[in-house]
Amino acid sequence: MITIHKAELVISAPDRHSWPESDLPEVVLAGRSNVGKSSLINTITQRKKLAYVGNTPGKTRLLNFFNLNDQYMLVDVPGYGYANASKTMLKKFGEMMEDYFAERTQKRGLLLIVDARHKPTEDDRLMIDFARYYDLPCFVVATKMDKLKRSEIKKNLNVIKETLLLREEEVLIPFSSETKQGVDEVWDELLKLFNSKPIH
């Protein structure tokens, strides 16, 4: 775990023309709507309101670039998979992600966030396959672990591993914003990615 002296939103970018000019290494955070992404960002950065925790799923339709300590950049992807997304919006989301994965040279990896209580969806599989296609290292964080019964933990984590066809090097971290379980482990993996060499 590192101490975050500075954590700020640099820009909410609707397209590639708005991406910030920066040399900082970037890790993408992706996950379904209401999976606890904002809570995870706030927890690992030790901030209460860095990322907006909203009740309206799928509200963020932009790539949010967060500067951490002027050393690293977290890129928060719009939550996907909510029911009332229009086809136009889904197409735009796909193009936005494709642009980022194909063109952004600062990218170092993907942190895929899933809800520990539910089996990952087809959208989650598509997102991790997208990253693998671009040779982007990934790891997975299973949020809301505090909501599982003890007897469910092992079974649910196995379902996540099997559904996402996780490879040996793709770590799965149990996490809870409530109890702070997994914060150190998430930072261990983030720092490995941030300090790795560029993909291209």
N, C-alpha and C. Protein backbone atom coordinates (compact mmCIF):
# COMPACT_ATOMS: atom_id res chain seq x y z
N MET A 1 0.85 -1.20 0.00
CA MET A 1 0.00 0.00 0.00
C MET A 1 0.89 1.25 0.00
N ILE A 2 0.47 2.26 -0.75
CA ILE A 2 1.24 3.49 -0.75
C ILE A 2 0.37 4.61 -0.17
N THR A 3 1.02 5.67 0.29
CA THR A 3 0.28 6.81 0.79
C THR A 3 -0.05 7.73 -0.39
N ILE A 4 -1.31 8.07 -0.50
CA ILE A 4 -1.73 8.93 -1.60
C ILE A 4 -1.77 10.37 -1.10
N HIS A 5 -0.80 11.16 -1.53
CA HIS A 5 -0.75 12.58 -1.14
C HIS A 5 -1.65 13.40 -2.04
N LYS A 6 -1.78 12.95 -3.28
CA LYS A 6 -2.57 13.70 -4.24
C LYS A 6 -3.43 12.74 -5.04
N ALA A 7 -4.71 13.03 -5.13
CA ALA A 7 -5.62 12.23 -5.95
C ALA A 7 -6.65 13.17 -6.52
N GLU A 8 -6.63 13.33 -7.83
CA GLU A 8 -7.58 14.27 -8.41
C GLU A 8 -8.04 13.81 -9.78
N LEU A 9 -9.26 14.21 -10.11
CA LEU A 9 -9.79 13.94 -11.44
C LEU A 9 -9.17 14.93 -12.41
N VAL A 10 -8.49 14.42 -13.43
CA VAL A 10 -7.84 15.28 -14.42
C VAL A 10 -8.85 15.72 -15.46
N ILE A 11 -9.58 14.74 -16.01
CA ILE A 11 -10.58 15.06 -17.03
C ILE A 11 -11.54 13.89 -17.18
N SER A 12 -12.78 14.21 -17.55
CA SER A 12 -13.75 13.19 -17.97
C SER A 12 -13.84 13.31 -19.48
N ALA A 13 -13.28 12.32 -20.17
CA ALA A 13 -13.08 12.44 -21.62
C ALA A 13 -14.15 11.68 -22.41
N PRO A 14 -14.90 12.37 -23.29
CA PRO A 14 -15.92 11.68 -24.10
C PRO A 14 -15.32 10.94 -25.29
N ASP A 15 -14.11 11.35 -25.72
CA ASP A 15 -13.50 10.70 -26.88
C ASP A 15 -11.98 10.90 -26.84
N ARG A 16 -11.30 10.31 -27.82
CA ARG A 16 -9.83 10.32 -27.81
C ARG A 16 -9.24 11.73 -27.88
N HIS A 17 -9.99 12.67 -28.46
CA HIS A 17 -9.48 14.04 -28.59
C HIS A 17 -9.37 14.73 -27.22
N SER A 18 -10.07 14.19 -26.23
CA SER A 18 -10.05 14.80 -24.90
C SER A 18 -9.09 14.11 -23.94
N TRP A 19 -8.45 13.01 -24.38
CA TRP A 19 -7.51 12.33 -23.47
C TRP A 19 -6.44 13.30 -23.01
N PRO A 20 -6.02 13.21 -21.75
CA PRO A 20 -4.99 14.15 -21.28
C PRO A 20 -3.62 13.84 -21.88
N GLU A 21 -2.86 14.88 -22.14
CA GLU A 21 -1.48 14.69 -22.56
C GLU A 21 -0.68 14.40 -21.30
N SER A 22 -0.07 13.22 -21.26
CA SER A 22 0.59 12.80 -20.03
C SER A 22 1.52 11.65 -20.34
N ASP A 23 2.58 11.53 -19.55
CA ASP A 23 3.50 10.39 -19.69
C ASP A 23 3.27 9.37 -18.58
N LEU A 24 2.28 9.62 -17.71
CA LEU A 24 2.09 8.74 -16.56
C LEU A 24 1.53 7.39 -17.01
N PRO A 25 2.03 6.30 -16.42
CA PRO A 25 1.47 4.98 -16.75
C PRO A 25 0.02 4.88 -16.28
N GLU A 26 -0.80 4.20 -17.07
CA GLU A 26 -2.23 4.13 -16.78
C GLU A 26 -2.71 2.69 -16.61
N VAL A 27 -3.60 2.50 -15.63
CA VAL A 27 -4.30 1.23 -15.48
C VAL A 27 -5.80 1.52 -15.58
N VAL A 28 -6.47 0.71 -16.38
CA VAL A 28 -7.91 0.86 -16.63
C VAL A 28 -8.69 0.07 -15.58
N LEU A 29 -9.74 0.69 -15.04
CA LEU A 29 -10.66 0.00 -14.13
C LEU A 29 -11.98 -0.18 -14.85
N ALA A 30 -12.42 -1.42 -14.99
CA ALA A 30 -13.68 -1.68 -15.70
C ALA A 30 -14.54 -2.62 -14.89
N GLY A 31 -15.85 -2.48 -15.06
CA GLY A 31 -16.77 -3.38 -14.37
C GLY A 31 -18.20 -3.01 -14.70
N ARG A 32 -19.12 -3.90 -14.40
CA ARG A 32 -20.53 -3.63 -14.64
C ARG A 32 -21.02 -2.47 -13.77
N SER A 33 -22.12 -1.89 -14.19
CA SER A 33 -22.75 -0.85 -13.38
C SER A 33 -23.09 -1.40 -11.99
N ASN A 34 -22.92 -0.56 -10.99
CA ASN A 34 -23.25 -0.91 -9.59
C ASN A 34 -22.43 -2.07 -9.03
N VAL A 35 -21.22 -2.25 -9.53
CA VAL A 35 -20.38 -3.35 -9.04
C VAL A 35 -19.49 -2.89 -7.87
N GLY A 36 -19.52 -1.58 -7.59
CA GLY A 36 -18.72 -1.05 -6.49
C GLY A 36 -17.41 -0.43 -6.95
N LYS A 37 -17.40 0.03 -8.21
CA LYS A 37 -16.17 0.58 -8.78
C LYS A 37 -15.77 1.89 -8.10
N SER A 38 -16.75 2.80 -7.96
CA SER A 38 -16.45 4.09 -7.32
C SER A 38 -15.99 3.89 -5.87
N SER A 39 -16.66 2.98 -5.17
CA SER A 39 -16.28 2.71 -3.78
C SER A 39 -14.85 2.16 -3.72
N LEU A 40 -14.49 1.30 -4.68
CA LEU A 40 -13.13 0.76 -4.71
C LEU A 40 -12.11 1.88 -4.93
N ILE A 41 -12.40 2.76 -5.90
CA ILE A 41 -11.47 3.87 -6.17
C ILE A 41 -11.30 4.73 -4.91
N ASN A 42 -12.42 5.07 -4.28
CA ASN A 42 -12.34 5.90 -3.07
C ASN A 42 -11.59 5.20 -1.94
N THR A 43 -11.78 3.90 -1.82
CA THR A 43 -11.12 3.14 -0.74
C THR A 43 -9.62 3.06 -0.96
N ILE A 44 -9.19 2.71 -2.17
CA ILE A 44 -7.74 2.52 -2.37
C ILE A 44 -6.98 3.85 -2.42
N THR A 45 -7.72 4.95 -2.71
CA THR A 45 -7.03 6.26 -2.73
C THR A 45 -7.19 7.00 -1.40
N GLN A 46 -7.88 6.35 -0.45
CA GLN A 46 -8.12 6.95 0.88
C GLN A 46 -8.84 8.29 0.76
N ARG A 47 -9.80 8.35 -0.15
CA ARG A 47 -10.62 9.55 -0.33
C ARG A 47 -12.09 9.16 -0.20
N LYS A 48 -12.89 10.10 0.29
CA LYS A 48 -14.32 9.77 0.43
C LYS A 48 -15.10 10.01 -0.85
N LYS A 49 -14.71 11.04 -1.61
CA LYS A 49 -15.54 11.42 -2.75
C LYS A 49 -14.75 11.65 -4.02
N LEU A 50 -13.64 10.95 -4.20
CA LEU A 50 -12.87 11.14 -5.43
C LEU A 50 -13.70 10.67 -6.62
N ALA A 51 -14.22 9.46 -6.52
CA ALA A 51 -15.10 8.93 -7.56
C ALA A 51 -16.53 9.06 -7.06
N TYR A 52 -17.40 9.46 -7.94
CA TYR A 52 -18.80 9.67 -7.57
C TYR A 52 -19.49 8.33 -7.36
N VAL A 53 -20.09 8.15 -6.18
CA VAL A 53 -20.85 6.92 -5.92
C VAL A 53 -22.32 7.26 -6.16
N GLY A 54 -22.84 6.84 -7.30
CA GLY A 54 -24.20 7.24 -7.66
C GLY A 54 -25.18 6.10 -7.55
N ASN A 55 -26.47 6.46 -7.51
CA ASN A 55 -27.52 5.45 -7.45
C ASN A 55 -28.06 5.14 -8.85
N THR A 56 -27.66 5.94 -9.83
CA THR A 56 -28.17 5.71 -11.18
C THR A 56 -27.13 4.94 -11.97
N PRO A 57 -27.38 3.64 -12.22
CA PRO A 57 -26.39 2.84 -12.94
C PRO A 57 -26.17 3.36 -14.35
N GLY A 58 -24.93 3.28 -14.79
CA GLY A 58 -24.62 3.63 -16.16
C GLY A 58 -24.64 5.11 -16.46
N LYS A 59 -24.62 5.92 -15.41
CA LYS A 59 -24.70 7.37 -15.62
C LYS A 59 -23.42 7.92 -16.25
N THR A 60 -22.28 7.38 -15.85
CA THR A 60 -21.02 7.89 -16.38
C THR A 60 -20.78 7.34 -17.78
N ARG A 61 -20.74 8.19 -18.77
CA ARG A 61 -20.49 7.72 -20.13
C ARG A 61 -19.16 8.26 -20.64
N LEU A 62 -18.24 8.48 -19.75
CA LEU A 62 -16.96 9.10 -20.11
C LEU A 62 -15.82 8.29 -19.50
N LEU A 63 -14.62 8.46 -20.05
CA LEU A 63 -13.43 7.90 -19.41
C LEU A 63 -12.93 8.93 -18.40
N ASN A 64 -12.89 8.54 -17.14
CA ASN A 64 -12.42 9.45 -16.09
C ASN A 64 -10.95 9.15 -15.77
N PHE A 65 -10.09 10.15 -15.94
CA PHE A 65 -8.66 10.00 -15.69
C PHE A 65 -8.33 10.59 -14.32
N PHE A 66 -7.84 9.75 -13.40
CA PHE A 66 -7.48 10.20 -12.06
C PHE A 66 -5.96 10.20 -11.88
N ASN A 67 -5.41 11.33 -11.52
CA ASN A 67 -3.97 11.46 -11.26
C ASN A 67 -3.70 11.10 -9.79
N LEU A 68 -2.79 10.15 -9.57
CA LEU A 68 -2.39 9.76 -8.22
C LEU A 68 -0.93 10.14 -7.99
N ASN A 69 -0.70 11.07 -7.07
CA ASN A 69 0.67 11.46 -6.67
C ASN A 69 1.54 11.96 -7.82
N ASP A 70 0.93 12.39 -8.92
CA ASP A 70 1.70 12.78 -10.12
C ASP A 70 2.62 11.66 -10.60
N GLN A 71 2.27 10.41 -10.25
CA GLN A 71 3.08 9.25 -10.65
C GLN A 71 2.30 8.28 -11.53
N TYR A 72 1.01 8.15 -11.22
CA TYR A 72 0.20 7.13 -11.87
C TYR A 72 -1.14 7.72 -12.29
N MET A 73 -1.80 7.05 -13.24
CA MET A 73 -3.13 7.45 -13.66
C MET A 73 -4.06 6.24 -13.63
N LEU A 74 -5.18 6.38 -12.92
CA LEU A 74 -6.24 5.38 -12.99
C LEU A 74 -7.25 5.87 -14.02
N VAL A 75 -7.69 4.98 -14.90
CA VAL A 75 -8.67 5.36 -15.91
C VAL A 75 -9.95 4.57 -15.65
N ASP A 76 -10.96 5.29 -15.20
CA ASP A 76 -12.24 4.67 -14.84
C ASP A 76 -13.15 4.64 -16.07
N VAL A 77 -13.53 3.42 -16.45
CA VAL A 77 -14.35 3.18 -17.64
C VAL A 77 -15.82 3.22 -17.23
N PRO A 78 -16.71 3.71 -18.10
CA PRO A 78 -18.14 3.71 -17.76
C PRO A 78 -18.62 2.30 -17.39
N GLY A 79 -19.47 2.21 -16.39
CA GLY A 79 -20.06 0.91 -16.03
C GLY A 79 -20.86 0.38 -17.21
N TYR A 80 -20.75 -0.90 -17.48
CA TYR A 80 -21.47 -1.47 -18.63
C TYR A 80 -22.48 -2.48 -18.15
N GLY A 81 -23.34 -2.90 -19.07
CA GLY A 81 -24.24 -4.02 -18.77
C GLY A 81 -25.54 -3.63 -18.11
N TYR A 82 -25.88 -2.34 -18.06
CA TYR A 82 -27.17 -2.03 -17.44
C TYR A 82 -28.27 -2.13 -18.49
N ALA A 83 -29.49 -2.41 -18.03
CA ALA A 83 -30.55 -2.90 -18.91
C ALA A 83 -31.00 -1.90 -19.97
N ASN A 84 -31.08 -0.61 -19.63
CA ASN A 84 -31.73 0.30 -20.58
C ASN A 84 -30.76 1.07 -21.47
N ALA A 85 -29.61 0.47 -21.75
CA ALA A 85 -28.65 1.12 -22.66
C ALA A 85 -29.16 1.01 -24.09
N SER A 86 -29.10 2.10 -24.82
CA SER A 86 -29.53 2.05 -26.21
C SER A 86 -28.42 1.43 -27.06
N LYS A 87 -28.80 0.97 -28.24
CA LYS A 87 -27.80 0.37 -29.14
C LYS A 87 -26.74 1.39 -29.53
N THR A 88 -27.17 2.64 -29.73
CA THR A 88 -26.23 3.70 -30.10
C THR A 88 -25.19 3.89 -29.00
N MET A 89 -25.68 3.88 -27.75
CA MET A 89 -24.78 4.09 -26.61
C MET A 89 -23.80 2.93 -26.49
N LEU A 90 -24.29 1.72 -26.69
CA LEU A 90 -23.43 0.53 -26.61
C LEU A 90 -22.35 0.56 -27.69
N LYS A 91 -22.76 1.00 -28.89
CA LYS A 91 -21.81 1.10 -29.99
C LYS A 91 -20.73 2.14 -29.65
N LYS A 92 -21.17 3.25 -29.08
CA LYS A 92 -20.24 4.33 -28.73
C LYS A 92 -19.26 3.84 -27.66
N PHE A 93 -19.80 3.09 -26.71
CA PHE A 93 -18.95 2.55 -25.64
C PHE A 93 -17.89 1.62 -26.23
N GLY A 94 -18.32 0.74 -27.14
CA GLY A 94 -17.38 -0.20 -27.78
C GLY A 94 -16.29 0.54 -28.54
N GLU A 95 -16.69 1.58 -29.26
CA GLU A 95 -15.70 2.35 -30.03
C GLU A 95 -14.73 3.08 -29.11
N MET A 96 -15.27 3.61 -28.01
CA MET A 96 -14.43 4.35 -27.06
C MET A 96 -13.37 3.42 -26.45
N MET A 97 -13.79 2.20 -26.10
CA MET A 97 -12.84 1.25 -25.50
C MET A 97 -11.83 0.76 -26.53
N GLU A 98 -12.31 0.55 -27.75
CA GLU A 98 -11.40 0.09 -28.80
C GLU A 98 -10.33 1.15 -29.10
N ASP A 99 -10.76 2.41 -29.18
CA ASP A 99 -9.82 3.51 -29.37
C ASP A 99 -8.76 3.50 -28.28
N TYR A 100 -9.23 3.38 -27.03
CA TYR A 100 -8.30 3.45 -25.90
C TYR A 100 -7.31 2.28 -25.95
N PHE A 101 -7.83 1.07 -26.05
CA PHE A 101 -6.96 -0.11 -26.02
C PHE A 101 -5.99 -0.12 -27.20
N ALA A 102 -6.47 0.33 -28.36
CA ALA A 102 -5.63 0.25 -29.56
C ALA A 102 -4.60 1.38 -29.62
N GLU A 103 -4.93 2.55 -29.09
CA GLU A 103 -4.11 3.72 -29.35
C GLU A 103 -3.34 4.29 -28.16
N ARG A 104 -3.82 4.07 -26.95
CA ARG A 104 -3.23 4.77 -25.81
C ARG A 104 -1.92 4.09 -25.39
N THR A 105 -0.82 4.73 -25.64
CA THR A 105 0.49 4.08 -25.39
C THR A 105 0.84 4.03 -23.90
N GLN A 106 0.16 4.81 -23.08
CA GLN A 106 0.46 4.83 -21.63
C GLN A 106 -0.17 3.66 -20.88
N LYS A 107 -1.02 2.89 -21.58
CA LYS A 107 -1.75 1.83 -20.87
C LYS A 107 -0.80 0.73 -20.40
N ARG A 108 -1.05 0.23 -19.19
CA ARG A 108 -0.21 -0.84 -18.64
C ARG A 108 -0.99 -2.08 -18.23
N GLY A 109 -2.31 -1.95 -18.06
CA GLY A 109 -3.05 -3.13 -17.63
C GLY A 109 -4.50 -2.82 -17.34
N LEU A 110 -5.25 -3.88 -17.04
CA LEU A 110 -6.68 -3.77 -16.74
C LEU A 110 -6.96 -4.36 -15.37
N LEU A 111 -7.73 -3.62 -14.57
CA LEU A 111 -8.27 -4.15 -13.32
C LEU A 111 -9.76 -4.35 -13.59
N LEU A 112 -10.18 -5.61 -13.66
CA LEU A 112 -11.60 -5.92 -13.91
C LEU A 112 -12.28 -6.15 -12.57
N ILE A 113 -13.39 -5.44 -12.35
CA ILE A 113 -14.09 -5.53 -11.07
C ILE A 113 -15.38 -6.31 -11.26
N VAL A 114 -15.57 -7.34 -10.42
CA VAL A 114 -16.80 -8.13 -10.46
C VAL A 114 -17.39 -8.18 -9.05
N ASP A 115 -18.67 -8.45 -8.97
CA ASP A 115 -19.37 -8.57 -7.69
C ASP A 115 -19.22 -10.01 -7.22
N ALA A 116 -18.64 -10.19 -6.04
CA ALA A 116 -18.36 -11.55 -5.53
C ALA A 116 -19.63 -12.39 -5.38
N ARG A 117 -20.78 -11.73 -5.30
CA ARG A 117 -22.03 -12.47 -5.05
C ARG A 117 -22.61 -13.09 -6.32
N HIS A 118 -22.14 -12.61 -7.49
CA HIS A 118 -22.77 -13.04 -8.75
C HIS A 118 -21.74 -13.62 -9.73
N LYS A 119 -22.23 -14.51 -10.56
CA LYS A 119 -21.39 -15.05 -11.63
C LYS A 119 -21.08 -13.93 -12.63
N PRO A 120 -19.82 -13.81 -13.07
CA PRO A 120 -19.51 -12.80 -14.09
C PRO A 120 -20.37 -12.98 -15.34
N THR A 121 -20.65 -11.86 -15.99
CA THR A 121 -21.54 -11.90 -17.16
C THR A 121 -20.73 -12.01 -18.45
N GLU A 122 -21.47 -12.12 -19.54
CA GLU A 122 -20.85 -12.14 -20.86
C GLU A 122 -20.07 -10.83 -21.10
N ASP A 123 -20.61 -9.72 -20.59
CA ASP A 123 -19.92 -8.42 -20.73
C ASP A 123 -18.56 -8.45 -20.03
N ASP A 124 -18.50 -9.07 -18.85
CA ASP A 124 -17.22 -9.18 -18.13
C ASP A 124 -16.22 -10.00 -18.94
N ARG A 125 -16.72 -11.08 -19.52
CA ARG A 125 -15.84 -11.94 -20.34
C ARG A 125 -15.33 -11.18 -21.55
N LEU A 126 -16.22 -10.41 -22.18
CA LEU A 126 -15.82 -9.62 -23.34
C LEU A 126 -14.74 -8.60 -22.97
N MET A 127 -14.91 -7.97 -21.80
CA MET A 127 -13.95 -6.95 -21.39
C MET A 127 -12.56 -7.56 -21.16
N ILE A 128 -12.50 -8.70 -20.48
CA ILE A 128 -11.19 -9.30 -20.21
C ILE A 128 -10.60 -9.87 -21.50
N ASP A 129 -11.45 -10.38 -22.39
CA ASP A 129 -10.95 -10.86 -23.69
C ASP A 129 -10.41 -9.72 -24.54
N PHE A 130 -11.07 -8.58 -24.46
CA PHE A 130 -10.63 -7.36 -25.13
C PHE A 130 -9.20 -7.03 -24.72
N ALA A 131 -8.97 -7.02 -23.40
CA ALA A 131 -7.63 -6.70 -22.87
C ALA A 131 -6.61 -7.74 -23.31
N ARG A 132 -6.99 -9.01 -23.25
CA ARG A 132 -6.06 -10.08 -23.67
C ARG A 132 -5.70 -9.94 -25.14
N TYR A 133 -6.69 -9.56 -25.95
CA TYR A 133 -6.46 -9.38 -27.38
C TYR A 133 -5.34 -8.35 -27.61
N TYR A 134 -5.32 -7.31 -26.77
CA TYR A 134 -4.30 -6.27 -26.90
C TYR A 134 -3.07 -6.54 -26.02
N ASP A 135 -2.94 -7.81 -25.55
CA ASP A 135 -1.80 -8.22 -24.71
C ASP A 135 -1.65 -7.37 -23.46
N LEU A 136 -2.78 -6.96 -22.92
CA LEU A 136 -2.76 -6.11 -21.73
C LEU A 136 -2.88 -7.00 -20.49
N PRO A 137 -1.91 -6.95 -19.56
CA PRO A 137 -2.02 -7.76 -18.34
C PRO A 137 -3.28 -7.38 -17.56
N CYS A 138 -3.90 -8.39 -16.92
CA CYS A 138 -5.15 -8.14 -16.19
C CYS A 138 -5.07 -8.75 -14.79
N PHE A 139 -5.83 -8.16 -13.89
CA PHE A 139 -6.18 -8.88 -12.67
C PHE A 139 -7.62 -8.54 -12.31
N VAL A 140 -8.22 -9.38 -11.46
CA VAL A 140 -9.65 -9.27 -11.17
C VAL A 140 -9.84 -9.03 -9.68
N VAL A 141 -10.75 -8.11 -9.36
CA VAL A 141 -11.10 -7.83 -7.96
C VAL A 141 -12.56 -8.19 -7.76
N ALA A 142 -12.83 -9.05 -6.76
CA ALA A 142 -14.20 -9.44 -6.42
C ALA A 142 -14.65 -8.60 -5.24
N THR A 143 -15.56 -7.65 -5.51
CA THR A 143 -16.00 -6.72 -4.47
C THR A 143 -17.14 -7.31 -3.63
N LYS A 144 -17.47 -6.58 -2.55
CA LYS A 144 -18.62 -6.89 -1.68
C LYS A 144 -18.45 -8.24 -0.98
N MET A 145 -17.19 -8.59 -0.67
CA MET A 145 -16.92 -9.86 0.02
C MET A 145 -17.60 -9.92 1.39
N ASP A 146 -17.80 -8.75 2.01
CA ASP A 146 -18.43 -8.72 3.35
C ASP A 146 -19.88 -9.16 3.29
N LYS A 147 -20.46 -9.20 2.08
CA LYS A 147 -21.87 -9.61 1.95
C LYS A 147 -22.03 -11.12 1.74
N LEU A 148 -20.91 -11.83 1.64
CA LEU A 148 -20.97 -13.29 1.44
C LEU A 148 -20.93 -14.01 2.79
N LYS A 149 -21.64 -15.14 2.85
CA LYS A 149 -21.49 -16.01 4.02
C LYS A 149 -20.16 -16.74 3.89
N ARG A 150 -19.63 -17.15 5.02
CA ARG A 150 -18.34 -17.86 5.00
C ARG A 150 -18.37 -19.07 4.07
N SER A 151 -19.49 -19.77 4.11
CA SER A 151 -19.61 -21.00 3.33
C SER A 151 -19.66 -20.74 1.82
N GLU A 152 -19.92 -19.49 1.42
CA GLU A 152 -20.06 -19.18 -0.01
C GLU A 152 -18.75 -18.73 -0.65
N ILE A 153 -17.79 -18.32 0.19
CA ILE A 153 -16.60 -17.62 -0.34
C ILE A 153 -15.85 -18.45 -1.38
N LYS A 154 -15.45 -19.65 -1.00
CA LYS A 154 -14.61 -20.46 -1.90
C LYS A 154 -15.36 -20.78 -3.19
N LYS A 155 -16.62 -21.20 -3.04
CA LYS A 155 -17.44 -21.57 -4.21
C LYS A 155 -17.57 -20.38 -5.17
N ASN A 156 -17.90 -19.21 -4.63
CA ASN A 156 -18.11 -18.03 -5.49
C ASN A 156 -16.82 -17.60 -6.20
N LEU A 157 -15.71 -17.66 -5.49
CA LEU A 157 -14.43 -17.27 -6.11
C LEU A 157 -14.07 -18.26 -7.23
N ASN A 158 -14.35 -19.53 -7.01
CA ASN A 158 -14.09 -20.54 -8.05
C ASN A 158 -14.95 -20.29 -9.30
N VAL A 159 -16.21 -19.91 -9.07
CA VAL A 159 -17.12 -19.62 -10.20
C VAL A 159 -16.56 -18.46 -11.03
N ILE A 160 -16.05 -17.44 -10.34
CA ILE A 160 -15.47 -16.28 -11.04
C ILE A 160 -14.27 -16.72 -11.88
N LYS A 161 -13.37 -17.49 -11.26
CA LYS A 161 -12.18 -17.97 -11.98
C LYS A 161 -12.55 -18.77 -13.21
N GLU A 162 -13.51 -19.68 -13.03
CA GLU A 162 -13.89 -20.57 -14.14
C GLU A 162 -14.62 -19.81 -15.24
N THR A 163 -15.51 -18.90 -14.87
CA THR A 163 -16.30 -18.16 -15.87
C THR A 163 -15.40 -17.26 -16.71
N LEU A 164 -14.44 -16.62 -16.06
CA LEU A 164 -13.55 -15.71 -16.79
C LEU A 164 -12.35 -16.43 -17.40
N LEU A 165 -12.27 -17.76 -17.19
CA LEU A 165 -11.15 -18.56 -17.69
C LEU A 165 -9.82 -17.91 -17.31
N LEU A 166 -9.70 -17.57 -16.03
CA LEU A 166 -8.51 -16.85 -15.57
C LEU A 166 -7.25 -17.67 -15.76
N ARG A 167 -6.23 -17.01 -16.28
CA ARG A 167 -4.94 -17.66 -16.47
C ARG A 167 -4.15 -17.60 -15.18
N GLU A 168 -3.09 -18.40 -15.14
CA GLU A 168 -2.29 -18.49 -13.91
C GLU A 168 -1.80 -17.12 -13.43
N GLU A 169 -1.41 -16.28 -14.39
CA GLU A 169 -0.82 -14.98 -14.00
C GLU A 169 -1.90 -13.92 -13.70
N GLU A 170 -3.18 -14.25 -13.95
CA GLU A 170 -4.26 -13.29 -13.71
C GLU A 170 -4.84 -13.51 -12.31
N VAL A 171 -4.41 -12.67 -11.41
CA VAL A 171 -4.73 -12.83 -9.98
C VAL A 171 -6.18 -12.43 -9.71
N LEU A 172 -6.83 -13.13 -8.78
CA LEU A 172 -8.17 -12.77 -8.30
C LEU A 172 -8.07 -12.34 -6.84
N ILE A 173 -8.50 -11.11 -6.56
CA ILE A 173 -8.37 -10.56 -5.20
C ILE A 173 -9.75 -10.34 -4.58
N PRO A 174 -10.03 -11.01 -3.44
CA PRO A 174 -11.27 -10.73 -2.71
C PRO A 174 -11.15 -9.34 -2.05
N PHE A 175 -12.23 -8.54 -2.14
CA PHE A 175 -12.15 -7.14 -1.72
C PHE A 175 -13.45 -6.70 -1.05
N SER A 176 -13.29 -5.79 -0.08
CA SER A 176 -14.47 -5.16 0.52
C SER A 176 -14.15 -3.72 0.89
N SER A 177 -14.94 -2.79 0.38
CA SER A 177 -14.77 -1.39 0.74
C SER A 177 -15.15 -1.16 2.20
N GLU A 178 -16.05 -2.01 2.70
CA GLU A 178 -16.52 -1.86 4.09
C GLU A 178 -15.43 -2.25 5.09
N THR A 179 -14.82 -3.42 4.86
CA THR A 179 -13.85 -3.94 5.85
C THR A 179 -12.41 -3.64 5.47
N LYS A 180 -12.22 -3.09 4.26
CA LYS A 180 -10.88 -2.80 3.70
C LYS A 180 -10.09 -4.08 3.36
N GLN A 181 -10.79 -5.21 3.29
CA GLN A 181 -10.14 -6.45 2.86
C GLN A 181 -9.63 -6.28 1.43
N GLY A 182 -8.37 -6.66 1.19
CA GLY A 182 -7.83 -6.69 -0.16
C GLY A 182 -7.17 -5.41 -0.64
N VAL A 183 -7.20 -4.35 0.18
CA VAL A 183 -6.63 -3.06 -0.27
C VAL A 183 -5.14 -3.21 -0.58
N ASP A 184 -4.39 -3.82 0.33
CA ASP A 184 -2.94 -3.98 0.11
C ASP A 184 -2.65 -4.82 -1.13
N GLU A 185 -3.45 -5.89 -1.30
CA GLU A 185 -3.23 -6.79 -2.45
C GLU A 185 -3.53 -6.07 -3.77
N VAL A 186 -4.57 -5.23 -3.77
CA VAL A 186 -4.88 -4.47 -4.98
C VAL A 186 -3.71 -3.54 -5.32
N TRP A 187 -3.16 -2.88 -4.29
CA TRP A 187 -2.02 -1.99 -4.55
C TRP A 187 -0.80 -2.75 -5.05
N ASP A 188 -0.56 -3.95 -4.49
CA ASP A 188 0.57 -4.77 -4.96
C ASP A 188 0.47 -5.00 -6.46
N GLU A 189 -0.74 -5.38 -6.91
CA GLU A 189 -0.94 -5.67 -8.34
C GLU A 189 -0.90 -4.39 -9.18
N LEU A 190 -1.50 -3.32 -8.66
CA LEU A 190 -1.48 -2.05 -9.41
C LEU A 190 -0.05 -1.57 -9.63
N LEU A 191 0.76 -1.64 -8.58
CA LEU A 191 2.14 -1.16 -8.69
C LEU A 191 2.95 -2.00 -9.68
N LYS A 192 2.68 -3.32 -9.71
CA LYS A 192 3.35 -4.17 -10.70
C LYS A 192 3.03 -3.68 -12.11
N LEU A 193 1.76 -3.36 -12.33
CA LEU A 193 1.34 -2.89 -13.66
C LEU A 193 1.90 -1.50 -13.97
N PHE A 194 1.75 -0.58 -13.01
CA PHE A 194 2.23 0.79 -13.22
C PHE A 194 3.73 0.81 -13.55
N ASN A 195 4.47 -0.09 -12.92
CA ASN A 195 5.93 -0.09 -13.09
C ASN A 195 6.40 -1.01 -14.22
N SER A 196 5.46 -1.60 -14.93
CA SER A 196 5.85 -2.50 -16.03
C SER A 196 6.16 -1.68 -17.29
N LYS A 197 6.73 -2.37 -18.27
CA LYS A 197 7.08 -1.67 -19.50
C LYS A 197 5.84 -1.45 -20.36
N PRO A 198 5.87 -0.41 -21.19
CA PRO A 198 4.74 -0.18 -22.10
C PRO A 198 4.47 -1.40 -22.97
N ILE A 199 3.20 -1.58 -23.35
CA ILE A 199 2.83 -2.75 -24.15
C ILE A 199 3.38 -2.64 -25.57
N HIS A 200 3.32 -1.44 -26.14
CA HIS A 200 3.81 -1.27 -27.54
C HIS A 200 5.13 -0.55 -27.53
